[in-house]
């Protein structure tokens, strides 16, 4: 489970890094960028909690 969480975190970070290019590709007027960044932050926080819970249990 921890390996899957790490992979999701890496994917979220990559998406957040390239959110400008994704937004310009779909012509989202910075709306798509906001959605990607917020979604990425949520994925990172949930995966961090899952990893910490796995370590503590």
N, C-alpha and C. Protein backbone atom coordinates (compact mmCIF):
# COMPACT_ATOMS: atom_id res chain seq x y z
N UNK A 1 0.82 -1.19 0.00
CA UNK A 1 0.00 0.00 0.00
C UNK A 1 0.86 1.26 0.00
N UNK A 2 1.98 1.18 0.72
CA UNK A 2 2.85 2.36 0.79
C UNK A 2 3.49 2.66 -0.56
N UNK A 3 3.78 1.62 -1.33
CA UNK A 3 4.37 1.84 -2.65
C UNK A 3 3.37 2.54 -3.56
N UNK A 4 2.10 2.15 -3.46
CA UNK A 4 1.05 2.78 -4.27
C UNK A 4 0.88 4.23 -3.87
N UNK A 5 0.95 4.51 -2.58
CA UNK A 5 0.82 5.89 -2.10
C UNK A 5 1.98 6.75 -2.59
N UNK A 6 3.16 6.19 -2.60
CA UNK A 6 4.32 6.94 -3.08
C UNK A 6 4.17 7.23 -4.57
N UNK A 7 3.70 6.25 -5.34
CA UNK A 7 3.49 6.47 -6.77
C UNK A 7 2.44 7.55 -7.03
N UNK A 8 1.36 7.54 -6.25
CA UNK A 8 0.34 8.58 -6.38
C UNK A 8 0.90 9.96 -6.02
N UNK A 9 1.75 10.01 -5.01
CA UNK A 9 2.34 11.28 -4.62
C UNK A 9 3.25 11.81 -5.72
N UNK A 10 4.02 10.93 -6.34
CA UNK A 10 4.90 11.35 -7.43
C UNK A 10 4.07 11.86 -8.61
N UNK A 11 2.98 11.16 -8.94
CA UNK A 11 2.12 11.59 -10.03
C UNK A 11 1.49 12.95 -9.72
N UNK A 12 1.09 13.16 -8.48
CA UNK A 12 0.49 14.44 -8.08
C UNK A 12 1.50 15.57 -8.18
N UNK A 13 2.72 15.31 -7.79
CA UNK A 13 3.76 16.34 -7.87
C UNK A 13 4.06 16.69 -9.32
N UNK A 14 4.14 15.67 -10.18
CA UNK A 14 4.41 15.92 -11.60
C UNK A 14 3.26 16.72 -12.22
N UNK A 15 2.04 16.36 -11.90
CA UNK A 15 0.89 17.11 -12.43
C UNK A 15 0.90 18.55 -11.94
N UNK A 16 1.25 18.76 -10.70
CA UNK A 16 1.31 20.13 -10.17
C UNK A 16 2.42 20.93 -10.84
N UNK A 17 3.54 20.28 -11.12
CA UNK A 17 4.64 20.98 -11.78
C UNK A 17 4.29 21.41 -13.19
N UNK A 18 3.53 20.57 -13.89
CA UNK A 18 3.18 20.87 -15.28
C UNK A 18 1.77 21.44 -15.43
N UNK A 19 1.21 21.96 -14.35
CA UNK A 19 -0.15 22.47 -14.41
C UNK A 19 -0.28 23.68 -15.33
N UNK A 20 0.77 24.49 -15.43
CA UNK A 20 0.74 25.64 -16.35
C UNK A 20 0.61 25.18 -17.80
N UNK A 21 1.41 24.19 -18.17
CA UNK A 21 1.38 23.70 -19.55
C UNK A 21 0.07 22.99 -19.86
N UNK A 22 -0.46 22.25 -18.88
CA UNK A 22 -1.75 21.58 -19.08
C UNK A 22 -2.85 22.61 -19.24
N UNK A 23 -2.82 23.65 -18.43
CA UNK A 23 -3.83 24.70 -18.50
C UNK A 23 -3.79 25.43 -19.84
N UNK A 24 -2.59 25.71 -20.33
CA UNK A 24 -2.51 26.40 -21.62
C UNK A 24 -2.91 25.49 -22.77
N UNK A 25 -2.70 24.18 -22.62
CA UNK A 25 -3.08 23.24 -23.68
C UNK A 25 -4.59 23.14 -23.83
N UNK A 26 -5.32 23.22 -22.73
CA UNK A 26 -6.78 23.12 -22.79
C UNK A 26 -7.47 24.48 -22.78
N UNK A 27 -6.64 25.55 -22.77
CA UNK A 27 -7.16 26.93 -22.77
C UNK A 27 -8.16 27.15 -21.63
N UNK A 28 -7.72 26.83 -20.41
CA UNK A 28 -8.60 26.88 -19.25
C UNK A 28 -8.64 28.19 -18.51
N UNK A 29 -7.87 29.19 -18.95
CA UNK A 29 -7.84 30.50 -18.30
C UNK A 29 -7.54 30.40 -16.81
N UNK A 30 -6.55 29.60 -16.47
CA UNK A 30 -6.07 29.39 -15.09
C UNK A 30 -7.06 28.65 -14.20
N UNK A 31 -8.22 28.27 -14.70
CA UNK A 31 -9.17 27.52 -13.88
C UNK A 31 -8.72 26.07 -13.73
N UNK A 32 -8.21 25.50 -14.81
CA UNK A 32 -7.75 24.12 -14.78
C UNK A 32 -6.52 24.00 -13.89
N UNK A 33 -5.66 25.00 -13.92
CA UNK A 33 -4.47 25.00 -13.08
C UNK A 33 -4.86 24.94 -11.60
N UNK A 34 -5.85 25.74 -11.21
CA UNK A 34 -6.30 25.75 -9.81
C UNK A 34 -6.83 24.38 -9.40
N UNK A 35 -7.60 23.76 -10.29
CA UNK A 35 -8.17 22.44 -9.99
C UNK A 35 -7.06 21.41 -9.84
N UNK A 36 -6.08 21.44 -10.74
CA UNK A 36 -4.98 20.48 -10.68
C UNK A 36 -4.17 20.65 -9.41
N UNK A 37 -3.87 21.90 -9.05
CA UNK A 37 -3.06 22.16 -7.85
C UNK A 37 -3.81 21.73 -6.59
N UNK A 38 -5.09 22.03 -6.51
CA UNK A 38 -5.88 21.64 -5.33
C UNK A 38 -6.01 20.12 -5.25
N UNK A 39 -6.26 19.48 -6.37
CA UNK A 39 -6.36 18.02 -6.39
C UNK A 39 -5.03 17.38 -5.99
N UNK A 40 -3.93 17.92 -6.50
CA UNK A 40 -2.61 17.39 -6.16
C UNK A 40 -2.31 17.54 -4.68
N UNK A 41 -2.67 18.68 -4.12
CA UNK A 41 -2.45 18.89 -2.68
C UNK A 41 -3.28 17.90 -1.86
N UNK A 42 -4.50 17.64 -2.29
CA UNK A 42 -5.33 16.67 -1.59
C UNK A 42 -4.77 15.26 -1.66
N UNK A 43 -4.29 14.88 -2.84
CA UNK A 43 -3.70 13.54 -3.00
C UNK A 43 -2.46 13.41 -2.13
N UNK A 44 -1.63 14.43 -2.12
CA UNK A 44 -0.41 14.37 -1.31
C UNK A 44 -0.75 14.27 0.17
N UNK A 45 -1.73 15.03 0.64
CA UNK A 45 -2.07 14.98 2.06
C UNK A 45 -2.68 13.63 2.44
N UNK A 46 -3.56 13.09 1.61
CA UNK A 46 -4.17 11.80 1.91
C UNK A 46 -3.13 10.68 1.90
N UNK A 47 -2.23 10.71 0.93
CA UNK A 47 -1.19 9.68 0.86
C UNK A 47 -0.21 9.79 2.03
N UNK A 48 0.08 11.01 2.44
CA UNK A 48 0.96 11.20 3.60
C UNK A 48 0.32 10.62 4.86
N UNK A 49 -0.96 10.87 5.04
CA UNK A 49 -1.67 10.31 6.20
C UNK A 49 -1.67 8.78 6.13
N UNK A 50 -1.87 8.23 4.93
CA UNK A 50 -1.87 6.76 4.79
C UNK A 50 -0.50 6.17 5.10
N UNK A 51 0.55 6.82 4.67
CA UNK A 51 1.89 6.32 4.95
C UNK A 51 2.20 6.40 6.44
N UNK A 52 1.85 7.50 7.06
CA UNK A 52 2.09 7.66 8.50
C UNK A 52 1.27 6.64 9.30
N UNK A 53 0.02 6.42 8.90
CA UNK A 53 -0.80 5.43 9.60
C UNK A 53 -0.21 4.02 9.43
N UNK A 54 0.33 3.73 8.26
CA UNK A 54 0.94 2.42 8.04
C UNK A 54 2.20 2.22 8.87
N UNK A 55 2.94 3.29 9.05
CA UNK A 55 4.16 3.20 9.86
C UNK A 55 3.83 3.03 11.34
N UNK A 56 2.80 3.74 11.81
CA UNK A 56 2.46 3.71 13.23
C UNK A 56 1.73 2.45 13.65
N UNK A 57 1.11 1.76 12.71
CA UNK A 57 0.35 0.56 13.11
C UNK A 57 1.17 -0.70 13.07
